Amino acid sequence: MASNTLNLIAILSLTITILLSLYPQPAFSFQMEDFDGEEEYVLDHPVIIPNLRSRSRFLKTSPTKDKIRKGADCDPHPSLNICKGISANNGTSLLYCCKTHCRNVLSDRNNCGKCGNRCKFGQRCCGGVCTNVANNVNHCGKCGNQCSSGVQCDNGFCGYA
């Protein structure tokens, strides 16, 4: 009896493994937006950082910065802010200071399009707009995954029912 049960469990687990391997693309990616592999933003135009420590006009310098680390600390005060609508990564990122951290409002689902605009469950921030990726042919399963012409997006997969 125990032998039959073990054989049944082995057959079921093998069947499930084969079925799961047929559909390797996940319907939804639960990866955090802020940590999608890149560790820094490459700015499209260097930013001049104000030097607040120097009191002499002869000692003041205006260093430039061409990269900003993801989640870098920032000051929400407009004149002190290093990420105030700065374009980065060839226009694919737009950085704003949300609370006290630089955020890409084009892909951050907690700050989609503007600081504090959270996307609902099952939505991703695609180009600054909260998008339901479960049935959108232009963003099927993830942002930018476009289904072929005439193919539907069902549950985050192109052409699958």
Protein backbone atom coordinates (compact mmCIF):
# COMPACT_ATOMS: atom_id res chain seq x y z
CA MET A 1 0.00 0.00 0.00
CA ALA A 2 2.78 2.43 0.95
CA SER A 3 4.66 1.50 -2.22
CA ASN A 4 1.64 2.37 -4.37
CA THR A 5 1.28 5.72 -2.60
CA LEU A 6 4.96 6.58 -3.17
CA ASN A 7 4.68 5.64 -6.86
CA LEU A 8 1.58 7.82 -7.21
CA ILE A 9 3.33 10.77 -5.55
CA ALA A 10 6.37 10.35 -7.81
CA ILE A 11 4.20 10.23 -10.94
CA LEU A 12 2.21 13.31 -9.87
CA SER A 13 5.30 15.35 -9.06
CA LEU A 14 6.89 14.42 -12.39
CA THR A 15 3.68 15.37 -14.23
CA ILE A 16 3.50 18.75 -12.45
CA THR A 17 7.16 19.43 -13.22
CA ILE A 18 6.63 18.72 -16.92
CA LEU A 19 3.50 20.91 -17.05
CA LEU A 20 5.25 23.80 -15.33
CA SER A 21 8.19 23.58 -17.72
CA LEU A 22 5.82 24.10 -20.67
CA TYR A 23 4.98 27.61 -19.41
CA PRO A 24 8.27 29.16 -18.21
CA GLN A 25 7.13 32.79 -18.50
CA PRO A 26 5.62 34.07 -15.23
CA ALA A 27 2.26 35.82 -15.46
CA PHE A 28 3.35 38.41 -12.94
CA SER A 29 6.81 39.37 -11.84
CA PHE A 30 7.01 40.05 -8.13
CA GLN A 31 10.48 41.55 -8.39
CA MET A 32 10.83 44.89 -6.63
CA GLU A 33 10.90 47.75 -9.14
CA ASP A 34 13.72 49.58 -7.41
CA PHE A 35 16.07 46.63 -7.63
CA ASP A 36 15.71 45.35 -11.17
CA GLY A 37 19.38 44.64 -11.73
CA GLU A 38 20.68 48.15 -12.27
CA GLU A 39 22.38 49.66 -9.25
CA GLU A 40 22.59 53.22 -10.53
CA TYR A 41 20.97 55.61 -12.95
CA VAL A 42 23.15 57.12 -15.67
CA LEU A 43 21.94 60.69 -16.08
CA ASP A 44 21.21 61.96 -19.58
CA HIS A 45 22.69 65.35 -18.63
CA PRO A 46 25.15 65.91 -15.73
CA VAL A 47 23.71 67.69 -12.70
CA ILE A 48 25.46 70.48 -10.80
CA ILE A 49 25.40 69.76 -7.08
CA PRO A 50 25.19 72.83 -4.82
CA ASN A 51 28.01 73.16 -2.30
CA LEU A 52 26.39 74.23 0.97
CA ARG A 53 29.42 73.95 3.26
CA SER A 54 31.57 76.66 1.75
CA ARG A 55 30.92 80.21 2.97
CA SER A 56 33.47 81.98 0.79
CA ARG A 57 32.59 82.68 -2.82
CA PHE A 58 36.20 81.83 -3.75
CA LEU A 59 35.98 78.38 -2.16
CA LYS A 60 32.62 77.44 -3.63
CA THR A 61 32.74 74.74 -6.25
CA SER A 62 29.98 73.24 -8.31
CA PRO A 63 30.86 69.60 -8.86
CA THR A 64 28.85 67.72 -11.45
CA LYS A 65 27.33 64.30 -11.09
CA ASP A 66 26.57 61.96 -14.00
CA LYS A 67 25.30 58.94 -12.03
CA ILE A 68 22.88 58.56 -9.13
CA ARG A 69 22.69 55.37 -7.07
CA LYS A 70 19.25 53.72 -6.94
CA GLY A 71 17.38 54.82 -3.84
CA ALA A 72 19.93 57.56 -3.14
CA ASP A 73 19.10 59.95 -0.34
CA CYS A 74 17.77 63.30 -1.50
CA ASP A 75 16.46 66.47 0.07
CA PRO A 76 12.84 67.26 -0.89
CA HIS A 77 13.70 71.00 -0.84
CA PRO A 78 13.77 72.01 -4.54
CA SER A 79 17.06 73.93 -4.47
CA LEU A 80 18.92 71.13 -2.66
CA ASN A 81 17.42 68.22 -4.57
CA ILE A 82 19.67 66.10 -6.82
CA CYS A 83 16.73 64.26 -8.44
CA LYS A 84 14.13 66.84 -9.41
CA GLY A 85 12.71 65.54 -12.67
CA ILE A 86 16.08 64.37 -13.97
CA SER A 87 16.04 62.19 -17.08
CA ALA A 88 18.28 59.10 -16.93
CA ASN A 89 19.15 55.91 -18.82
CA ASN A 90 18.49 57.44 -22.26
CA GLY A 91 15.05 58.73 -21.30
CA THR A 92 13.78 55.45 -19.83
CA SER A 93 13.94 56.80 -16.27
CA LEU A 94 12.62 60.01 -14.73
CA LEU A 95 13.93 60.68 -11.21
CA TYR A 96 12.05 62.55 -8.50
CA CYS A 97 12.70 62.92 -4.79
CA CYS A 98 9.87 60.99 -3.12
CA LYS A 99 10.04 61.57 0.62
CA THR A 100 13.82 61.36 1.00
CA HIS A 101 14.87 58.94 -1.79
CA CYS A 102 15.35 59.22 -5.55
CA ARG A 103 12.67 57.21 -7.35
CA ASN A 104 12.02 56.45 -11.02
CA VAL A 105 8.39 57.54 -11.47
CA LEU A 106 8.20 55.74 -14.84
CA SER A 107 8.52 52.27 -13.28
CA ASP A 108 8.20 52.47 -9.46
CA ARG A 109 4.80 50.99 -8.55
CA ASN A 110 4.78 52.92 -5.24
CA ASN A 111 5.43 56.24 -7.03
CA CYS A 112 3.91 55.75 -10.49
CA GLY A 113 3.85 58.95 -12.53
CA LYS A 114 4.27 61.03 -9.38
CA CYS A 115 5.37 60.58 -5.79
CA GLY A 116 2.92 58.63 -3.63
CA ASN A 117 0.77 57.24 -6.47
CA ARG A 118 0.60 53.49 -5.68
CA CYS A 119 -0.52 50.96 -8.27
CA LYS A 120 -3.20 48.46 -7.24
CA PHE A 121 -2.61 44.74 -6.79
CA GLY A 122 -1.86 43.07 -10.14
CA GLN A 123 -0.80 46.35 -11.75
CA ARG A 124 2.69 47.48 -12.73
CA CYS A 125 3.95 50.96 -13.44
CA CYS A 126 4.55 51.10 -17.21
CA GLY A 127 5.83 54.44 -18.42
CA GLY A 128 4.37 56.27 -15.42
CA VAL A 129 0.88 54.74 -15.76
CA CYS A 130 -0.54 51.98 -13.54
CA THR A 131 -1.33 49.16 -15.97
CA ASN A 132 -3.16 45.84 -15.55
CA VAL A 133 -0.61 43.48 -17.12
CA ALA A 134 -2.90 40.44 -16.96
CA ASN A 135 -4.83 41.31 -20.13
CA ASN A 136 -3.07 44.23 -21.83
CA VAL A 137 -1.69 43.27 -25.28
CA ASN A 138 0.95 46.06 -25.09
CA HIS A 139 2.16 45.08 -21.60
CA CYS A 140 1.36 41.37 -21.30
CA GLY A 141 2.70 39.98 -17.99
CA LYS A 142 5.26 42.80 -17.74
CA CYS A 143 5.84 46.27 -19.10
CA GLY A 144 6.74 46.42 -22.78
CA ASN A 145 5.93 42.76 -23.54
CA GLN A 146 3.78 43.25 -26.63
CA CYS A 147 1.74 40.39 -28.07
CA SER A 148 1.86 39.75 -31.82
CA SER A 149 -0.86 41.29 -33.97
CA GLY A 150 -4.19 39.55 -33.41
CA VAL A 151 -2.95 37.58 -30.39
CA GLN A 152 -4.78 38.15 -27.10
CA CYS A 153 -3.17 38.55 -23.68
CA ASP A 154 -4.74 36.18 -21.15
CA ASN A 155 -3.53 36.06 -17.56
CA GLY A 156 -0.20 37.62 -18.54
CA PHE A 157 0.54 35.25 -21.41
CA CYS A 158 0.31 36.03 -25.14
CA GLY A 159 -1.98 33.59 -26.95
CA TYR A 160 -2.66 31.22 -24.08
CA ALA A 161 -6.16 30.59 -22.79
